[in-house]
Amino acid sequence: LYLVVGNTFARIDPTTGASTSLAAPPFSFMPWGGLVFHAGHFYGHQGDGLRGFARYSLASQQWEALPNLPAGAVLGAAIDRQSQTYYAYGSY
């Protein structure tokens, strides 16, 4: 289980409850942000109508800032695995 909020990104073992801090994202994730897993990476947007977009590689355990979203996204995240398109709800 992976969670992100603010500048905190963590892995949580649901069996033991133990958490492991991971690399901080390149921006602060707002409570209305989104995060989705696809092909070895977590993709996420900043949320709250902001345009920040990044991905986290499980292999390198590092974040990479990606080009900003074309408009501010508010919440939710999904990837169409066939077209490899990222979707989010927003902006305000």
C-alpha atoms as a PDB file:
ATOM      1  CA  LEU A   1       0.000   0.000   0.000  1.00  0.00           C
ATOM      2  CA  TYR A   2       1.425   3.394  -1.025  1.00  0.00           C
ATOM      3  CA  LEU A   3       0.212   6.778   0.214  1.00  0.00           C
ATOM      4  CA  VAL A   4       1.162  10.347  -0.627  1.00  0.00           C
ATOM      5  CA  VAL A   5       0.087  13.639   0.921  1.00  0.00           C
ATOM      6  CA  GLY A   6       2.025  16.860   1.130  1.00  0.00           C
ATOM      7  CA  ASN A   7       5.717  16.043   0.785  1.00  0.00           C
ATOM      8  CA  THR A   8       5.339  12.615   2.387  1.00  0.00           C
ATOM      9  CA  PHE A   9       5.365   9.439   0.312  1.00  0.00           C
ATOM     10  CA  ALA A  10       5.270   6.145   2.174  1.00  0.00           C
ATOM     11  CA  ARG A  11       4.822   2.405   1.766  1.00  0.00           C
ATOM     12  CA  ILE A  12       2.657   0.728   4.401  1.00  0.00           C
ATOM     13  CA  ASP A  13       2.554  -2.994   5.102  1.00  0.00           C
ATOM     14  CA  PRO A  14      -1.158  -3.690   5.728  1.00  0.00           C
ATOM     15  CA  THR A  15      -0.341  -6.875   7.644  1.00  0.00           C
ATOM     16  CA  THR A  16       1.998  -5.332  10.209  1.00  0.00           C
ATOM     17  CA  GLY A  17       1.114  -1.660   9.922  1.00  0.00           C
ATOM     18  CA  ALA A  18       4.814  -0.828   9.514  1.00  0.00           C
ATOM     19  CA  SER A  19       5.534   2.161   7.298  1.00  0.00           C
ATOM     20  CA  THR A  20       8.603   3.025   5.250  1.00  0.00           C
ATOM     21  CA  SER A  21       9.318   6.593   4.167  1.00  0.00           C
ATOM     22  CA  LEU A  22      10.188   6.931   0.493  1.00  0.00           C
ATOM     23  CA  ALA A  23      11.693   9.759  -1.561  1.00  0.00           C
ATOM     24  CA  ALA A  24       9.820  13.059  -1.249  1.00  0.00           C
ATOM     25  CA  PRO A  25       7.868  14.086  -4.364  1.00  0.00           C
ATOM     26  CA  PRO A  26       9.013  17.116  -6.400  1.00  0.00           C
ATOM     27  CA  PHE A  27       5.991  19.129  -5.214  1.00  0.00           C
ATOM     28  CA  SER A  28       3.516  19.018  -2.370  1.00  0.00           C
ATOM     29  CA  PHE A  29       0.552  16.744  -3.104  1.00  0.00           C
ATOM     30  CA  MET A  30      -2.674  18.383  -2.018  1.00  0.00           C
ATOM     31  CA  PRO A  31      -5.476  16.338  -0.401  1.00  0.00           C
ATOM     32  CA  TRP A  32      -7.362  16.597  -3.714  1.00  0.00           C
ATOM     33  CA  GLY A  33      -4.498  15.135  -5.754  1.00  0.00           C
ATOM     34  CA  GLY A  34      -4.317  11.759  -7.435  1.00  0.00           C
ATOM     35  CA  LEU A  35      -1.930   8.813  -7.697  1.00  0.00           C
ATOM     36  CA  VAL A  36      -2.166   5.725  -9.904  1.00  0.00           C
ATOM     37  CA  PHE A  37       0.171   2.808 -10.636  1.00  0.00           C
ATOM     38  CA  HIS A  38       1.102   1.717 -14.157  1.00  0.00           C
ATOM     39  CA  ALA A  39       3.999  -0.351 -15.552  1.00  0.00           C
ATOM     40  CA  GLY A  40       6.392  -0.018 -12.610  1.00  0.00           C
ATOM     41  CA  HIS A  41       5.646   3.645 -11.906  1.00  0.00           C
ATOM     42  CA  PHE A  42       3.282   5.706  -9.802  1.00  0.00           C
ATOM     43  CA  TYR A  43       1.933   8.702 -11.707  1.00  0.00           C
ATOM     44  CA  GLY A  44       0.488  11.572  -9.738  1.00  0.00           C
ATOM     45  CA  HIS A  45      -0.817  15.084 -10.016  1.00  0.00           C
ATOM     46  CA  GLN A  46      -0.597  17.813  -7.412  1.00  0.00           C
ATOM     47  CA  GLY A  47      -4.349  18.399  -7.129  1.00  0.00           C
ATOM     48  CA  ASP A  48      -6.413  21.317  -5.837  1.00  0.00           C
ATOM     49  CA  GLY A  49      -6.505  22.848  -9.331  1.00  0.00           C
ATOM     50  CA  LEU A  50      -2.692  22.938  -9.627  1.00  0.00           C
ATOM     51  CA  ARG A  51      -0.773  21.602 -12.634  1.00  0.00           C
ATOM     52  CA  GLY A  52       2.144  19.648 -11.108  1.00  0.00           C
ATOM     53  CA  PHE A  53       2.633  16.151 -12.555  1.00  0.00           C
ATOM     54  CA  ALA A  54       5.299  13.549 -11.752  1.00  0.00           C
ATOM     55  CA  ARG A  55       6.081   9.857 -11.643  1.00  0.00           C
ATOM     56  CA  TYR A  56       7.832   7.639  -9.129  1.00  0.00           C
ATOM     57  CA  SER A  57       9.873   4.644 -10.315  1.00  0.00           C
ATOM     58  CA  LEU A  58       9.767   1.560  -8.121  1.00  0.00           C
ATOM     59  CA  ALA A  59      13.050   0.400  -9.709  1.00  0.00           C
ATOM     60  CA  SER A  60      15.078   3.573  -9.037  1.00  0.00           C
ATOM     61  CA  GLN A  61      13.001   4.710  -6.034  1.00  0.00           C
ATOM     62  CA  GLN A  62      13.111   8.262  -7.371  1.00  0.00           C
ATOM     63  CA  TRP A  63      10.572  10.848  -8.490  1.00  0.00           C
ATOM     64  CA  GLU A  64      10.763  12.488 -11.901  1.00  0.00           C
ATOM     65  CA  ALA A  65       8.940  15.754 -12.576  1.00  0.00           C
ATOM     66  CA  LEU A  66       6.961  15.525 -15.817  1.00  0.00           C
ATOM     67  CA  PRO A  67       5.585  18.369 -17.959  1.00  0.00           C
ATOM     68  CA  ASN A  68       2.743  20.175 -16.197  1.00  0.00           C
ATOM     69  CA  LEU A  69      -0.812  19.125 -16.893  1.00  0.00           C
ATOM     70  CA  PRO A  70      -2.509  21.309 -19.547  1.00  0.00           C
ATOM     71  CA  ALA A  71      -5.012  22.507 -16.935  1.00  0.00           C
ATOM     72  CA  GLY A  72      -5.191  22.228 -13.180  1.00  0.00           C
ATOM     73  CA  ALA A  73      -6.535  18.877 -11.986  1.00  0.00           C
ATOM     74  CA  VAL A  74      -8.623  18.551  -8.867  1.00  0.00           C
ATOM     75  CA  LEU A  75      -8.886  14.902  -7.895  1.00  0.00           C
ATOM     76  CA  GLY A  76      -8.884  11.297  -8.974  1.00  0.00           C
ATOM     77  CA  ALA A  77      -6.449   9.560 -11.284  1.00  0.00           C
ATOM     78  CA  ALA A  78      -6.725   6.826 -13.893  1.00  0.00           C
ATOM     79  CA  ILE A  79      -4.602   5.543 -16.759  1.00  0.00           C
ATOM     80  CA  ASP A  80      -6.046   4.053 -19.914  1.00  0.00           C
ATOM     81  CA  ARG A  81      -3.627   1.149 -20.293  1.00  0.00           C
ATOM     82  CA  GLN A  82      -4.273   0.804 -24.017  1.00  0.00           C
ATOM     83  CA  SER A  83      -3.702   4.430 -25.031  1.00  0.00           C
ATOM     84  CA  GLN A  84      -1.426   5.111 -22.015  1.00  0.00           C
ATOM     85  CA  THR A  85      -3.326   8.330 -21.338  1.00  0.00           C
ATOM     86  CA  TYR A  86      -3.525   9.810 -17.843  1.00  0.00           C
ATOM     87  CA  TYR A  87      -6.917  11.111 -16.721  1.00  0.00           C
ATOM     88  CA  ALA A  88      -7.843  13.327 -13.793  1.00  0.00           C
ATOM     89  CA  TYR A  89     -10.906  15.335 -12.858  1.00  0.00           C
ATOM     90  CA  GLY A  90     -10.708  19.094 -12.921  1.00  0.00           C
ATOM     91  CA  SER A  91     -10.092  21.924 -12.968  1.00  0.00           C
ATOM     92  CA  TYR A  92     -12.362  24.106 -10.893  1.00  0.00           C
END
